[in-house]
């Protein structure tokens, strides 16, 4: 038997020291959970959100944990995306981690679902992911190495894995957009791997956020009952998977769709 010295350094395996991260939809909910985790892991973090006041306030609050800067912008707008990229390039020469988390939802009965609502959700949840990633690819390449790729982490949803039936709401556009995000993740993983950029997706279940507040209040017992663990997710559980994908620990993971839903999508 051939023995060898271990090359695994667990103390640095999940470290983000020296990394620069941009998180869209970072002012609240899942985006804020990820931002907090990245800051505590040592990254320099930029958060973006459509509402300037909320984005600025969150960045100020998180600055007590590390370097956190607000770069407000609407990822569904060509002009706003270009401005966001321009502001980031002014501040950083390379980007190591892009988290595409900004999202929108629209619920309406099947026969009444408006085209404008469907288009809005697709523009934010799917088009915004592709075109922001495209616009930042050059900056990601500058942060990439063969043994430590740059990372794109897309936030999908368990509703893009299964057909949602827990809540009686017509979220046709949301579910379709998130399924699209999952497959786009796989397509981009193949496209960008030769540039030493990995692309993966997280498919969350229910976590506390502004988007889920109403449904958790109205259907909380049903939501917990549909989860094999009989609960919703906790902030550290979202931060943990995002840190894994962004750190050395996740450097060989590419094109994966990782449910973080307590097993709800299996039901």
Protein backbone atom coordinates (compact mmCIF):
# COMPACT_ATOMS: atom_id res chain seq x y z
CA UNK A 1 0.00 0.00 0.00
CA UNK A 2 1.33 3.44 -0.97
CA UNK A 3 0.89 6.08 1.71
CA UNK A 4 1.05 9.81 1.11
CA UNK A 5 0.84 12.98 3.11
CA UNK A 6 -2.61 14.56 3.10
CA UNK A 7 -2.92 17.73 1.02
CA UNK A 8 -6.29 18.63 2.53
CA UNK A 9 -6.24 21.78 4.64
CA UNK A 10 -9.68 21.94 6.22
CA UNK A 11 -8.91 25.27 7.87
CA UNK A 12 -8.82 26.96 4.45
CA UNK A 13 -11.13 24.65 2.49
CA UNK A 14 -14.17 26.88 2.97
CA UNK A 15 -12.33 30.20 3.16
CA UNK A 16 -13.19 33.04 0.78
CA UNK A 17 -10.28 35.25 1.79
CA UNK A 18 -9.17 37.41 -1.12
CA UNK A 19 -12.33 36.70 -3.15
CA UNK A 20 -14.63 39.35 -4.64
CA UNK A 21 -18.33 38.50 -4.84
CA UNK A 22 -21.33 40.19 -6.42
CA UNK A 23 -24.77 39.12 -5.17
CA UNK A 24 -27.89 40.34 -6.95
CA UNK A 25 -31.04 40.62 -4.88
CA UNK A 26 -28.67 40.97 -1.96
CA UNK A 27 -30.64 43.40 0.17
CA UNK A 28 -32.94 40.85 1.79
CA UNK A 29 -33.95 37.20 2.07
CA UNK A 30 -31.72 34.57 0.52
CA UNK A 31 -29.40 37.16 -1.01
CA UNK A 32 -28.73 38.71 2.38
CA UNK A 33 -28.17 35.27 3.94
CA UNK A 34 -25.52 34.53 1.32
CA UNK A 35 -23.93 37.97 1.72
CA UNK A 36 -23.60 37.47 5.47
CA UNK A 37 -22.00 34.07 4.97
CA UNK A 38 -19.55 35.36 2.38
CA UNK A 39 -18.49 38.28 4.56
CA UNK A 40 -17.84 35.99 7.51
CA UNK A 41 -15.86 33.68 5.21
CA UNK A 42 -13.59 36.60 4.25
CA UNK A 43 -14.90 37.82 0.88
CA UNK A 44 -15.25 41.37 -0.33
CA UNK A 45 -18.96 41.61 -1.12
CA UNK A 46 -21.00 43.82 -3.42
CA UNK A 47 -24.76 43.60 -3.23
CA UNK A 48 -27.22 44.79 -5.82
CA UNK A 49 -30.98 45.32 -5.62
CA UNK A 50 -33.58 47.27 -7.53
CA UNK A 51 -34.46 49.56 -4.61
CA UNK A 52 -31.54 51.84 -3.82
CA UNK A 53 -32.59 52.71 -0.27
CA UNK A 54 -32.96 49.09 0.80
CA UNK A 55 -29.69 48.11 -0.89
CA UNK A 56 -27.78 50.95 0.75
CA UNK A 57 -29.27 50.19 4.17
CA UNK A 58 -28.39 46.49 4.01
CA UNK A 59 -24.82 47.20 2.86
CA UNK A 60 -24.38 49.61 5.75
CA UNK A 61 -25.68 47.02 8.22
CA UNK A 62 -23.48 44.26 6.84
CA UNK A 63 -20.36 46.43 6.76
CA UNK A 64 -19.82 45.58 10.42
CA UNK A 65 -18.88 42.06 9.20
CA UNK A 66 -16.49 43.13 6.44
CA UNK A 67 -16.24 44.94 3.12
CA UNK A 68 -19.81 45.31 1.80
CA UNK A 69 -20.78 47.86 -0.86
CA UNK A 70 -24.16 48.70 -2.36
CA UNK A 71 -24.47 48.76 -6.17
CA UNK A 72 -28.21 49.21 -6.83
CA UNK A 73 -29.61 48.12 -10.19
CA UNK A 74 -32.39 46.30 -12.02
CA UNK A 75 -31.01 43.16 -13.66
CA UNK A 76 -33.95 43.01 -16.09
CA UNK A 77 -32.87 46.29 -17.72
CA UNK A 78 -30.08 46.45 -20.31
CA UNK A 79 -29.17 49.97 -19.23
CA UNK A 80 -29.16 49.15 -15.51
CA UNK A 81 -27.05 45.99 -16.06
CA UNK A 82 -24.49 47.99 -18.02
CA UNK A 83 -24.34 50.60 -15.25
CA UNK A 84 -23.89 47.87 -12.62
CA UNK A 85 -21.01 46.30 -14.52
CA UNK A 86 -19.41 49.72 -15.05
CA UNK A 87 -19.58 50.53 -11.33
CA UNK A 88 -18.08 47.17 -10.38
CA UNK A 89 -15.24 47.52 -12.90
CA UNK A 90 -14.39 50.90 -11.38
CA UNK A 91 -13.83 49.21 -8.03
CA UNK A 92 -12.41 45.77 -8.85
CA UNK A 93 -10.03 44.38 -11.46
CA UNK A 94 -11.44 40.84 -11.15
CA UNK A 95 -14.58 39.05 -10.00
CA UNK A 96 -14.37 35.62 -8.39
CA UNK A 97 -18.02 34.91 -7.50
CA UNK A 98 -21.27 35.98 -9.16
CA UNK A 99 -24.49 35.02 -7.38
CA UNK A 100 -27.53 35.53 -9.59
CA UNK A 101 -30.22 35.73 -6.93
CA UNK A 102 -32.51 38.61 -7.97
CA UNK A 103 -36.00 37.29 -8.54
CA UNK A 104 -39.62 38.20 -9.11
CA UNK A 105 -42.92 36.34 -8.76
CA UNK A 106 -46.45 36.78 -10.03
CA UNK A 107 -49.48 34.73 -9.05
CA UNK A 108 -52.83 34.63 -10.84
CA UNK A 109 -55.41 32.01 -11.84
CA UNK A 110 -54.63 30.22 -15.09
CA UNK A 111 -57.41 31.88 -17.09
CA UNK A 112 -56.49 35.35 -15.85
CA UNK A 113 -52.69 35.25 -15.94
CA UNK A 114 -51.53 38.41 -17.76
CA UNK A 115 -48.87 38.40 -20.45
CA UNK A 116 -47.20 41.42 -18.85
CA UNK A 117 -46.84 39.53 -15.56
CA UNK A 118 -45.41 36.47 -17.27
CA UNK A 119 -42.90 38.58 -19.20
CA UNK A 120 -41.80 40.50 -16.11
CA UNK A 121 -40.96 37.29 -14.25
CA UNK A 122 -39.05 35.84 -17.21
CA UNK A 123 -37.15 39.11 -17.71
CA UNK A 124 -35.89 39.16 -14.11
CA UNK A 125 -35.53 35.48 -13.28
CA UNK A 126 -34.16 34.10 -16.54
CA UNK A 127 -33.09 36.82 -18.96
CA UNK A 128 -31.37 38.77 -16.19
CA UNK A 129 -29.31 35.72 -15.20
CA UNK A 130 -28.07 35.11 -18.73
CA UNK A 131 -27.28 38.67 -19.72
CA UNK A 132 -25.62 39.71 -16.46
CA UNK A 133 -23.44 36.59 -16.57
CA UNK A 134 -22.60 37.37 -20.18
CA UNK A 135 -21.69 40.97 -19.32
CA UNK A 136 -19.46 39.90 -16.41
CA UNK A 137 -17.71 36.96 -18.08
CA UNK A 138 -14.58 38.98 -18.91
CA UNK A 139 -14.26 40.11 -15.28
CA UNK A 140 -14.85 36.55 -14.06
CA UNK A 141 -12.10 35.31 -16.39
CA UNK A 142 -9.69 37.71 -14.69
CA UNK A 143 -10.51 36.10 -11.35
CA UNK A 144 -10.28 32.51 -12.63
CA UNK A 145 -7.49 29.96 -12.29
CA UNK A 146 -7.33 26.41 -13.54
CA UNK A 147 -7.15 25.01 -9.99
CA UNK A 148 -9.52 27.61 -8.52
CA UNK A 149 -12.17 28.59 -11.06
CA UNK A 150 -14.34 31.66 -10.89
CA UNK A 151 -17.87 30.75 -9.86
CA UNK A 152 -21.34 31.59 -11.12
CA UNK A 153 -24.03 30.51 -8.67
CA UNK A 154 -27.62 30.80 -9.85
CA UNK A 155 -30.49 30.71 -7.39
CA UNK A 156 -33.26 28.58 -8.84
CA UNK A 157 -36.04 27.00 -6.82
CA UNK A 158 -37.48 23.67 -5.77
CA UNK A 159 -40.48 24.82 -7.84
CA UNK A 160 -38.25 24.47 -10.89
CA UNK A 161 -37.61 20.84 -9.89
CA UNK A 162 -41.20 19.74 -9.28
CA UNK A 163 -44.68 21.10 -9.96
CA UNK A 164 -45.70 23.15 -6.89
CA UNK A 165 -48.95 21.93 -5.34
CA UNK A 166 -48.61 22.92 -1.68
CA UNK A 167 -50.16 26.36 -2.14
CA UNK A 168 -53.17 27.06 -4.37
CA UNK A 169 -51.55 29.88 -6.35
CA UNK A 170 -50.92 30.15 -10.07
CA UNK A 171 -47.16 30.72 -10.21
CA UNK A 172 -46.81 29.47 -13.78
CA UNK A 173 -44.19 32.03 -14.79
CA UNK A 174 -42.10 31.60 -11.64
CA UNK A 175 -41.90 27.81 -11.87
CA UNK A 176 -41.14 27.93 -15.59
CA UNK A 177 -38.48 30.60 -15.15
CA UNK A 178 -36.73 28.64 -12.40
CA UNK A 179 -36.76 25.44 -14.46
CA UNK A 180 -35.21 27.55 -17.20
CA UNK A 181 -32.55 28.79 -14.79
CA UNK A 182 -31.66 25.20 -13.94
CA UNK A 183 -31.17 24.19 -17.56
CA UNK A 184 -29.42 27.46 -18.40
CA UNK A 185 -27.04 26.62 -15.56
CA UNK A 186 -26.12 23.35 -17.27
CA UNK A 187 -25.69 25.05 -20.64
CA UNK A 188 -23.44 27.75 -19.18
CA UNK A 189 -21.45 25.17 -17.20
CA UNK A 190 -20.41 23.56 -20.49
CA UNK A 191 -19.86 26.88 -22.25
CA UNK A 192 -17.74 28.54 -19.56
CA UNK A 193 -15.73 25.60 -18.19
CA UNK A 194 -12.94 26.07 -20.81
CA UNK A 195 -12.54 29.60 -19.41
CA UNK A 196 -12.13 28.17 -15.89
CA UNK A 197 -15.54 29.38 -14.73
CA UNK A 198 -17.93 26.92 -13.09
CA UNK A 199 -21.70 27.39 -13.06
CA UNK A 200 -23.99 25.77 -10.53
CA UNK A 201 -27.47 26.37 -9.15
CA UNK A 202 -29.07 26.23 -5.72
CA UNK A 203 -32.75 25.20 -5.67
CA UNK A 204 -34.09 26.50 -2.35
CA UNK A 205 -37.24 25.47 -0.60
CA UNK A 206 -38.95 27.76 1.88
CA UNK A 207 -36.82 30.24 3.81
CA UNK A 208 -38.07 33.34 5.61
CA UNK A 209 -38.08 36.34 3.26
CA UNK A 210 -40.31 39.14 2.12
CA UNK A 211 -41.38 37.03 -0.86
CA UNK A 212 -42.46 34.10 1.34
CA UNK A 213 -43.82 36.03 4.33
CA UNK A 214 -47.47 35.96 3.29
CA UNK A 215 -47.56 32.30 2.25
CA UNK A 216 -45.72 31.22 5.41
CA UNK A 217 -48.28 33.09 7.48
CA UNK A 218 -51.24 31.58 5.63
CA UNK A 219 -49.93 28.10 4.81
CA UNK A 220 -47.06 27.58 7.26
CA UNK A 221 -48.39 24.33 8.71
CA UNK A 222 -49.01 22.87 5.24
CA UNK A 223 -45.56 23.94 4.04
CA UNK A 224 -43.81 22.38 7.04
CA UNK A 225 -45.93 19.25 6.75
CA UNK A 226 -44.88 18.75 3.14
CA UNK A 227 -41.20 18.80 4.14
CA UNK A 228 -39.76 15.48 5.38
CA UNK A 229 -37.82 17.48 8.00
CA UNK A 230 -41.06 19.23 9.02
CA UNK A 231 -39.57 22.74 8.99
CA UNK A 232 -38.38 25.57 6.77
CA UNK A 233 -34.75 26.43 6.06
CA UNK A 234 -32.49 28.46 8.33
CA UNK A 235 -30.16 31.26 7.17
CA UNK A 236 -26.96 29.34 7.96
CA UNK A 237 -28.15 26.48 5.75
CA UNK A 238 -28.40 28.78 2.75
CA UNK A 239 -25.09 30.45 3.58
CA UNK A 240 -23.45 27.06 3.96
CA UNK A 241 -24.28 25.72 0.49
CA UNK A 242 -23.34 29.05 -1.09
CA UNK A 243 -19.98 29.07 0.70
CA UNK A 244 -19.31 25.49 -0.41
CA UNK A 245 -19.95 26.33 -4.06
CA UNK A 246 -17.79 29.46 -3.89
CA UNK A 247 -14.86 28.01 -1.95
CA UNK A 248 -12.05 25.58 -2.74
CA UNK A 249 -14.33 22.82 -1.45
CA UNK A 250 -16.60 23.27 -4.47
CA UNK A 251 -13.98 23.87 -7.15
CA UNK A 252 -14.72 20.61 -9.00
CA UNK A 253 -18.51 20.93 -8.85
CA UNK A 254 -19.89 22.13 -12.17
CA UNK A 255 -23.35 22.07 -13.73
CA UNK A 256 -25.04 20.86 -10.54
CA UNK A 257 -28.55 21.75 -9.39
CA UNK A 258 -28.55 21.37 -5.61
CA UNK A 259 -31.91 21.31 -3.80
CA UNK A 260 -31.83 22.93 -0.37
CA UNK A 261 -35.40 22.20 0.63
CA UNK A 262 -35.31 19.56 3.34
CA UNK A 263 -36.51 17.01 0.78
CA UNK A 264 -39.75 18.83 -0.07
CA UNK A 265 -39.24 18.45 -3.82
CA UNK A 266 -39.15 14.66 -3.35
CA UNK A 267 -42.73 14.62 -2.05
